[in-house]
């Protein structure tokens, strides 16, 4: 047990564990200019020198994929690059959306056993989520 903790601490001090940034943490679903479609605006920042590719996914509370449209479902982002992304979701599906995630992707020809992929998820801001977070119980 102590060896595992010491190993993780040493790893963090030696090379610094890093992941990309995917913001905001609690995005809001907004009305888009397209009838019957809502939009979520996100921003991704690549702080990993060894990673250039990222995928985007939308999920419900049980981690089932939800269909969405975007010009950037799979994107190439250079080191220290930032990109704003708009995700379009059918209004019929907006009540199901719980998480929007970005995942780093390694290129098969460059993959090294030492490279760690990261997945960062943002939780959709909703009245139900706020009540759960503030009271630890669902109200209404």
C-alpha atoms as a PDB file:
ATOM      1  CA  UNK A   1       0.000   0.000   0.000  1.00  0.00           C
ATOM      2  CA  UNK A   2       2.724   2.455   1.003  1.00  0.00           C
ATOM      3  CA  UNK A   3       4.758   1.535  -2.079  1.00  0.00           C
ATOM      4  CA  UNK A   4       1.837   2.415  -4.353  1.00  0.00           C
ATOM      5  CA  UNK A   5       1.394   5.797  -2.666  1.00  0.00           C
ATOM      6  CA  UNK A   6       5.143   6.493  -2.818  1.00  0.00           C
ATOM      7  CA  UNK A   7       5.225   5.486  -6.492  1.00  0.00           C
ATOM      8  CA  UNK A   8       2.351   7.843  -7.380  1.00  0.00           C
ATOM      9  CA  UNK A   9       3.939  10.686  -5.423  1.00  0.00           C
ATOM     10  CA  UNK A  10       7.299  10.133  -7.142  1.00  0.00           C
ATOM     11  CA  UNK A  11       5.638  10.002 -10.555  1.00  0.00           C
ATOM     12  CA  UNK A  12       3.924  13.315  -9.878  1.00  0.00           C
ATOM     13  CA  UNK A  13       7.182  14.973  -8.804  1.00  0.00           C
ATOM     14  CA  UNK A  14       9.357  13.583 -11.600  1.00  0.00           C
ATOM     15  CA  UNK A  15       7.448  14.243 -14.761  1.00  0.00           C
ATOM     16  CA  UNK A  16       4.351  15.943 -13.547  1.00  0.00           C
ATOM     17  CA  UNK A  17       1.102  14.271 -14.379  1.00  0.00           C
ATOM     18  CA  UNK A  18      -0.810  16.401 -16.816  1.00  0.00           C
ATOM     19  CA  UNK A  19      -4.123  16.282 -18.545  1.00  0.00           C
ATOM     20  CA  UNK A  20      -5.887  18.511 -20.995  1.00  0.00           C
ATOM     21  CA  UNK A  21      -8.455  21.071 -19.868  1.00  0.00           C
ATOM     22  CA  UNK A  22     -12.139  20.907 -20.841  1.00  0.00           C
ATOM     23  CA  UNK A  23     -14.275  23.815 -19.621  1.00  0.00           C
ATOM     24  CA  UNK A  24     -16.701  24.868 -18.268  1.00  0.00           C
ATOM     25  CA  UNK A  25     -17.040  22.230 -15.557  1.00  0.00           C
ATOM     26  CA  UNK A  26     -20.819  22.677 -15.351  1.00  0.00           C
ATOM     27  CA  UNK A  27     -21.986  23.845 -18.805  1.00  0.00           C
ATOM     28  CA  UNK A  28     -25.541  24.947 -19.509  1.00  0.00           C
ATOM     29  CA  UNK A  29     -27.690  23.800 -22.394  1.00  0.00           C
ATOM     30  CA  UNK A  30     -28.795  26.850 -24.354  1.00  0.00           C
ATOM     31  CA  UNK A  31     -31.248  27.513 -27.159  1.00  0.00           C
ATOM     32  CA  UNK A  32     -29.615  27.496 -30.592  1.00  0.00           C
ATOM     33  CA  UNK A  33     -30.598  29.324 -33.746  1.00  0.00           C
ATOM     34  CA  UNK A  34     -31.780  25.997 -35.212  1.00  0.00           C
ATOM     35  CA  UNK A  35     -35.408  25.074 -34.365  1.00  0.00           C
ATOM     36  CA  UNK A  36     -35.692  21.901 -32.255  1.00  0.00           C
ATOM     37  CA  UNK A  37     -31.986  21.922 -31.401  1.00  0.00           C
ATOM     38  CA  UNK A  38     -30.086  23.087 -28.313  1.00  0.00           C
ATOM     39  CA  UNK A  39     -26.408  23.971 -28.050  1.00  0.00           C
ATOM     40  CA  UNK A  40     -23.666  23.522 -25.450  1.00  0.00           C
ATOM     41  CA  UNK A  41     -20.501  25.605 -25.819  1.00  0.00           C
ATOM     42  CA  UNK A  42     -17.261  24.100 -24.537  1.00  0.00           C
ATOM     43  CA  UNK A  43     -13.565  24.950 -24.707  1.00  0.00           C
ATOM     44  CA  UNK A  44     -10.626  22.524 -24.815  1.00  0.00           C
ATOM     45  CA  UNK A  45      -6.967  23.303 -24.094  1.00  0.00           C
ATOM     46  CA  UNK A  46      -4.094  20.913 -24.848  1.00  0.00           C
ATOM     47  CA  UNK A  47      -1.481  21.007 -22.092  1.00  0.00           C
ATOM     48  CA  UNK A  48       0.046  17.678 -23.176  1.00  0.00           C
ATOM     49  CA  UNK A  49       3.033  17.772 -25.499  1.00  0.00           C
ATOM     50  CA  UNK A  50       2.769  14.094 -26.487  1.00  0.00           C
ATOM     51  CA  UNK A  51      -0.943  14.216 -27.457  1.00  0.00           C
ATOM     52  CA  UNK A  52      -2.440  15.932 -30.525  1.00  0.00           C
ATOM     53  CA  UNK A  53      -5.846  14.263 -30.963  1.00  0.00           C
ATOM     54  CA  UNK A  54      -9.022  14.450 -28.868  1.00  0.00           C
ATOM     55  CA  UNK A  55     -12.532  13.020 -29.218  1.00  0.00           C
ATOM     56  CA  UNK A  56     -15.757  14.484 -27.841  1.00  0.00           C
ATOM     57  CA  UNK A  57     -18.734  12.488 -26.519  1.00  0.00           C
ATOM     58  CA  UNK A  58     -22.137  13.176 -24.955  1.00  0.00           C
ATOM     59  CA  UNK A  59     -23.594  10.724 -22.392  1.00  0.00           C
ATOM     60  CA  UNK A  60     -26.618  10.181 -20.181  1.00  0.00           C
ATOM     61  CA  UNK A  61     -26.483   9.346 -16.456  1.00  0.00           C
ATOM     62  CA  UNK A  62     -25.849   5.642 -17.261  1.00  0.00           C
ATOM     63  CA  UNK A  63     -22.972   6.482 -19.639  1.00  0.00           C
ATOM     64  CA  UNK A  64     -24.965   5.629 -22.775  1.00  0.00           C
ATOM     65  CA  UNK A  65     -23.959   7.690 -25.812  1.00  0.00           C
ATOM     66  CA  UNK A  66     -26.341  10.404 -26.968  1.00  0.00           C
ATOM     67  CA  UNK A  67     -26.360  11.574 -30.579  1.00  0.00           C
ATOM     68  CA  UNK A  68     -25.060  15.093 -31.181  1.00  0.00           C
ATOM     69  CA  UNK A  69     -23.710  17.162 -34.026  1.00  0.00           C
ATOM     70  CA  UNK A  70     -20.496  19.159 -34.094  1.00  0.00           C
ATOM     71  CA  UNK A  71     -17.771  19.993 -36.555  1.00  0.00           C
ATOM     72  CA  UNK A  72     -15.307  18.717 -33.978  1.00  0.00           C
ATOM     73  CA  UNK A  73     -16.192  15.185 -32.786  1.00  0.00           C
ATOM     74  CA  UNK A  74     -12.557  14.249 -33.419  1.00  0.00           C
ATOM     75  CA  UNK A  75     -10.094  17.109 -33.451  1.00  0.00           C
ATOM     76  CA  UNK A  76      -6.403  17.698 -33.793  1.00  0.00           C
ATOM     77  CA  UNK A  77      -5.130  20.222 -31.300  1.00  0.00           C
ATOM     78  CA  UNK A  78      -1.453  21.194 -31.112  1.00  0.00           C
ATOM     79  CA  UNK A  79       0.425  21.519 -27.826  1.00  0.00           C
ATOM     80  CA  UNK A  80      -0.790  24.644 -25.943  1.00  0.00           C
ATOM     81  CA  UNK A  81      -3.613  25.053 -28.465  1.00  0.00           C
ATOM     82  CA  UNK A  82      -7.139  26.063 -27.454  1.00  0.00           C
ATOM     83  CA  UNK A  83     -10.377  25.490 -29.358  1.00  0.00           C
ATOM     84  CA  UNK A  84     -13.977  26.499 -28.707  1.00  0.00           C
ATOM     85  CA  UNK A  85     -16.505  23.800 -29.601  1.00  0.00           C
ATOM     86  CA  UNK A  86     -20.272  23.972 -30.110  1.00  0.00           C
ATOM     87  CA  UNK A  87     -22.240  20.750 -29.586  1.00  0.00           C
ATOM     88  CA  UNK A  88     -25.749  20.598 -31.039  1.00  0.00           C
ATOM     89  CA  UNK A  89     -28.235  18.277 -29.326  1.00  0.00           C
ATOM     90  CA  UNK A  90     -31.874  17.583 -30.222  1.00  0.00           C
ATOM     91  CA  UNK A  91     -34.264  19.246 -27.762  1.00  0.00           C
ATOM     92  CA  UNK A  92     -35.896  15.838 -27.244  1.00  0.00           C
ATOM     93  CA  UNK A  93     -32.552  14.557 -25.873  1.00  0.00           C
ATOM     94  CA  UNK A  94     -31.593  17.535 -23.698  1.00  0.00           C
ATOM     95  CA  UNK A  95     -33.326  16.078 -20.619  1.00  0.00           C
ATOM     96  CA  UNK A  96     -31.177  12.941 -20.910  1.00  0.00           C
ATOM     97  CA  UNK A  97     -27.789  14.666 -21.269  1.00  0.00           C
ATOM     98  CA  UNK A  98     -25.709  14.420 -18.099  1.00  0.00           C
ATOM     99  CA  UNK A  99     -22.044  14.427 -19.197  1.00  0.00           C
ATOM    100  CA  UNK A 100     -19.994  15.921 -22.007  1.00  0.00           C
ATOM    101  CA  UNK A 101     -16.535  14.385 -22.199  1.00  0.00           C
ATOM    102  CA  UNK A 102     -13.274  14.872 -24.023  1.00  0.00           C
ATOM    103  CA  UNK A 103     -10.777  12.046 -24.354  1.00  0.00           C
ATOM    104  CA  UNK A 104      -7.161  12.190 -25.466  1.00  0.00           C
ATOM    105  CA  UNK A 105      -6.261   9.856 -28.315  1.00  0.00           C
ATOM    106  CA  UNK A 106      -2.901   8.316 -29.109  1.00  0.00           C
ATOM    107  CA  UNK A 107      -1.782   7.628 -32.653  1.00  0.00           C
ATOM    108  CA  UNK A 108      -1.111   3.897 -33.112  1.00  0.00           C
ATOM    109  CA  UNK A 109       2.228   4.431 -34.877  1.00  0.00           C
ATOM    110  CA  UNK A 110       3.463   6.721 -32.075  1.00  0.00           C
ATOM    111  CA  UNK A 111       1.880   4.957 -29.123  1.00  0.00           C
ATOM    112  CA  UNK A 112       4.233   4.309 -26.262  1.00  0.00           C
ATOM    113  CA  UNK A 113       3.373   2.193 -23.235  1.00  0.00           C
ATOM    114  CA  UNK A 114       4.325   5.217 -21.132  1.00  0.00           C
ATOM    115  CA  UNK A 115       1.625   7.472 -22.615  1.00  0.00           C
ATOM    116  CA  UNK A 116      -1.485   7.777 -20.487  1.00  0.00           C
ATOM    117  CA  UNK A 117      -4.778   8.790 -22.068  1.00  0.00           C
ATOM    118  CA  UNK A 118      -7.095  11.059 -20.140  1.00  0.00           C
ATOM    119  CA  UNK A 119     -10.855  11.581 -20.163  1.00  0.00           C
ATOM    120  CA  UNK A 120     -12.312  14.724 -18.668  1.00  0.00           C
ATOM    121  CA  UNK A 121     -16.059  15.108 -18.247  1.00  0.00           C
ATOM    122  CA  UNK A 122     -18.220  18.120 -17.540  1.00  0.00           C
ATOM    123  CA  UNK A 123     -21.594  17.639 -15.882  1.00  0.00           C
ATOM    124  CA  UNK A 124     -24.548  19.504 -17.332  1.00  0.00           C
ATOM    125  CA  UNK A 125     -25.865  22.164 -15.001  1.00  0.00           C
ATOM    126  CA  UNK A 126     -29.527  21.550 -14.207  1.00  0.00           C
ATOM    127  CA  UNK A 127     -31.941  22.239 -11.365  1.00  0.00           C
ATOM    128  CA  UNK A 128     -31.919  18.562 -10.357  1.00  0.00           C
ATOM    129  CA  UNK A 129     -28.105  18.499 -10.202  1.00  0.00           C
ATOM    130  CA  UNK A 130     -28.001  21.691  -8.125  1.00  0.00           C
ATOM    131  CA  UNK A 131     -30.513  20.257  -5.645  1.00  0.00           C
ATOM    132  CA  UNK A 132     -28.531  17.024  -5.347  1.00  0.00           C
ATOM    133  CA  UNK A 133     -25.250  18.899  -4.805  1.00  0.00           C
ATOM    134  CA  UNK A 134     -26.656  21.337  -2.251  1.00  0.00           C
ATOM    135  CA  UNK A 135     -28.921  19.001  -0.253  1.00  0.00           C
ATOM    136  CA  UNK A 136     -27.597  15.520  -1.069  1.00  0.00           C
ATOM    137  CA  UNK A 137     -31.209  14.531  -1.806  1.00  0.00           C
ATOM    138  CA  UNK A 138     -33.414  14.939  -4.839  1.00  0.00           C
ATOM    139  CA  UNK A 139     -36.260  17.376  -4.274  1.00  0.00           C
ATOM    140  CA  UNK A 140     -39.331  17.574  -6.512  1.00  0.00           C
END
